[in-house]
Amino acid sequence: MIEIEDDQKEPGTIVQEIQKGFTIKDRLLRPALVGVAKKSEKKVEKNEENKENSGDK
C-alpha cells in the first residue's frame, strides 16, 4: 500500500490499484495492493517553518 498526495479526493480513498487481490469461495488468498489518497503536507510544512523561525528571535 502506498499513499498518494491528492487534495481533490477524501483521505483514505483508493485512487490506484497496483495489484489485484482475489478470493476462492470465502477465503482471501491475496489482498489487493492499492494506493490511497492523503492530504498534501505543503501547508503543514510552511506553518512549522514559520513557528520555528519566529521562536528563534
N, C-alpha and C. Protein backbone atom coordinates (compact mmCIF):
# COMPACT_ATOMS: atom_id res chain seq x y z
N MET A 1 0.84 -1.16 0.00
CA MET A 1 0.00 0.00 0.00
C MET A 1 0.89 1.24 0.00
N ILE A 2 0.48 2.22 -0.77
CA ILE A 2 1.21 3.49 -0.81
C ILE A 2 0.22 4.63 -0.60
N GLU A 3 0.74 5.79 -0.21
CA GLU A 3 -0.08 6.98 -0.06
C GLU A 3 0.28 7.96 -1.16
N ILE A 4 -0.75 8.51 -1.81
CA ILE A 4 -0.56 9.45 -2.90
C ILE A 4 -1.18 10.77 -2.48
N GLU A 5 -0.40 11.85 -2.54
CA GLU A 5 -0.93 13.16 -2.17
C GLU A 5 -1.93 13.61 -3.22
N ASP A 6 -3.16 13.90 -2.76
CA ASP A 6 -4.23 14.32 -3.66
C ASP A 6 -5.24 15.13 -2.86
N ASP A 7 -5.30 16.44 -3.10
CA ASP A 7 -6.24 17.30 -2.38
C ASP A 7 -7.65 17.22 -2.94
N GLN A 8 -7.82 16.61 -4.11
CA GLN A 8 -9.13 16.51 -4.75
C GLN A 8 -9.98 15.39 -4.16
N LYS A 9 -9.36 14.40 -3.54
CA LYS A 9 -10.08 13.24 -3.01
C LYS A 9 -10.03 13.22 -1.50
N GLU A 10 -11.00 12.55 -0.91
CA GLU A 10 -11.06 12.38 0.55
C GLU A 10 -9.91 11.49 1.01
N PRO A 11 -9.22 11.83 2.10
CA PRO A 11 -8.13 10.97 2.59
C PRO A 11 -8.64 9.55 2.89
N GLY A 12 -7.85 8.57 2.48
CA GLY A 12 -8.23 7.17 2.68
C GLY A 12 -8.96 6.56 1.50
N THR A 13 -9.29 7.36 0.49
CA THR A 13 -9.97 6.86 -0.70
C THR A 13 -8.97 6.14 -1.59
N ILE A 14 -9.36 4.99 -2.12
CA ILE A 14 -8.49 4.24 -3.03
C ILE A 14 -8.46 4.96 -4.37
N VAL A 15 -7.25 5.32 -4.83
CA VAL A 15 -7.09 6.03 -6.09
C VAL A 15 -6.37 5.21 -7.14
N GLN A 16 -5.72 4.12 -6.72
CA GLN A 16 -4.97 3.30 -7.68
C GLN A 16 -4.89 1.86 -7.18
N GLU A 17 -5.12 0.92 -8.09
CA GLU A 17 -4.96 -0.50 -7.76
C GLU A 17 -3.68 -0.98 -8.43
N ILE A 18 -2.70 -1.36 -7.63
CA ILE A 18 -1.41 -1.77 -8.15
C ILE A 18 -1.42 -3.25 -8.51
N GLN A 19 -1.99 -4.06 -7.64
CA GLN A 19 -2.07 -5.50 -7.89
C GLN A 19 -3.44 -5.97 -7.42
N LYS A 20 -4.14 -6.68 -8.28
CA LYS A 20 -5.48 -7.15 -7.96
C LYS A 20 -5.41 -8.28 -6.94
N GLY A 21 -6.32 -8.24 -5.97
CA GLY A 21 -6.43 -9.31 -5.00
C GLY A 21 -7.50 -10.29 -5.44
N PHE A 22 -7.52 -11.47 -4.82
CA PHE A 22 -8.57 -12.42 -5.17
C PHE A 22 -8.88 -13.38 -4.04
N THR A 23 -10.07 -13.96 -4.14
CA THR A 23 -10.54 -14.93 -3.16
C THR A 23 -10.99 -16.19 -3.89
N ILE A 24 -11.03 -17.29 -3.18
CA ILE A 24 -11.67 -18.52 -3.66
C ILE A 24 -12.70 -18.86 -2.62
N LYS A 25 -13.94 -18.96 -3.05
CA LYS A 25 -15.09 -19.11 -2.14
C LYS A 25 -15.07 -17.93 -1.18
N ASP A 26 -15.00 -18.14 0.11
CA ASP A 26 -14.99 -17.03 1.07
C ASP A 26 -13.62 -16.79 1.67
N ARG A 27 -12.61 -17.42 1.11
CA ARG A 27 -11.26 -17.31 1.67
C ARG A 27 -10.41 -16.33 0.87
N LEU A 28 -9.80 -15.37 1.56
CA LEU A 28 -8.93 -14.40 0.92
C LEU A 28 -7.58 -15.05 0.65
N LEU A 29 -7.19 -15.11 -0.62
CA LEU A 29 -5.90 -15.70 -0.97
C LEU A 29 -4.82 -14.64 -1.14
N ARG A 30 -5.19 -13.51 -1.73
CA ARG A 30 -4.22 -12.42 -1.90
C ARG A 30 -4.95 -11.09 -1.81
N PRO A 31 -4.59 -10.25 -0.85
CA PRO A 31 -5.23 -8.93 -0.76
C PRO A 31 -4.73 -8.03 -1.89
N ALA A 32 -5.55 -7.09 -2.27
CA ALA A 32 -5.16 -6.14 -3.30
C ALA A 32 -4.11 -5.17 -2.74
N LEU A 33 -3.19 -4.76 -3.59
CA LEU A 33 -2.23 -3.71 -3.24
C LEU A 33 -2.74 -2.42 -3.87
N VAL A 34 -2.99 -1.41 -3.05
CA VAL A 34 -3.62 -0.20 -3.53
C VAL A 34 -2.86 1.05 -3.10
N GLY A 35 -3.14 2.14 -3.79
CA GLY A 35 -2.67 3.46 -3.41
C GLY A 35 -3.84 4.25 -2.89
N VAL A 36 -3.69 4.89 -1.74
CA VAL A 36 -4.77 5.66 -1.15
C VAL A 36 -4.41 7.14 -1.11
N ALA A 37 -5.43 7.99 -1.14
CA ALA A 37 -5.24 9.44 -1.14
C ALA A 37 -4.89 9.92 0.25
N LYS A 38 -4.07 10.98 0.30
CA LYS A 38 -3.80 11.68 1.55
C LYS A 38 -3.69 13.16 1.23
N LYS A 39 -3.90 13.99 2.22
CA LYS A 39 -3.78 15.44 2.04
C LYS A 39 -2.31 15.80 1.84
N SER A 40 -2.06 16.81 1.02
CA SER A 40 -0.68 17.25 0.83
C SER A 40 -0.21 17.95 2.10
N GLU A 41 1.08 17.86 2.38
CA GLU A 41 1.64 18.39 3.62
C GLU A 41 2.34 19.72 3.41
N LYS A 42 2.17 20.36 2.27
CA LYS A 42 2.85 21.63 1.99
C LYS A 42 2.43 22.70 2.99
N LYS A 43 1.15 22.81 3.30
CA LYS A 43 0.67 23.82 4.23
C LYS A 43 1.22 23.57 5.62
N VAL A 44 1.27 22.33 6.03
CA VAL A 44 1.76 21.98 7.36
C VAL A 44 3.24 22.33 7.47
N GLU A 45 4.03 22.01 6.45
CA GLU A 45 5.46 22.30 6.48
C GLU A 45 5.72 23.79 6.59
N LYS A 46 4.97 24.61 5.85
CA LYS A 46 5.16 26.06 5.90
C LYS A 46 4.84 26.59 7.28
N ASN A 47 3.76 26.10 7.87
CA ASN A 47 3.39 26.55 9.22
C ASN A 47 4.46 26.17 10.23
N GLU A 48 5.02 24.98 10.13
CA GLU A 48 6.07 24.55 11.06
C GLU A 48 7.32 25.39 10.89
N GLU A 49 7.68 25.74 9.65
CA GLU A 49 8.85 26.57 9.41
C GLU A 49 8.65 27.96 10.01
N ASN A 50 7.44 28.52 9.85
CA ASN A 50 7.16 29.84 10.40
C ASN A 50 7.25 29.82 11.92
N LYS A 51 6.77 28.75 12.56
CA LYS A 51 6.84 28.64 14.01
C LYS A 51 8.29 28.54 14.47
N GLU A 52 9.09 27.77 13.75
CA GLU A 52 10.49 27.61 14.12
C GLU A 52 11.24 28.94 13.98
N ASN A 53 10.99 29.66 12.89
CA ASN A 53 11.68 30.93 12.65
C ASN A 53 11.26 31.99 13.68
N SER A 54 10.01 32.04 14.04
CA SER A 54 9.57 33.04 15.00
C SER A 54 10.05 32.71 16.41
N GLY A 55 10.30 31.45 16.72
CA GLY A 55 10.80 31.04 18.03
C GLY A 55 12.26 31.38 18.23
N ASP A 56 13.02 31.52 17.12
CA ASP A 56 14.46 31.81 17.22
C ASP A 56 14.73 33.26 17.57
N LYS A 57 13.80 34.16 17.33
CA LYS A 57 14.03 35.60 17.53
C LYS A 57 13.88 36.01 18.96
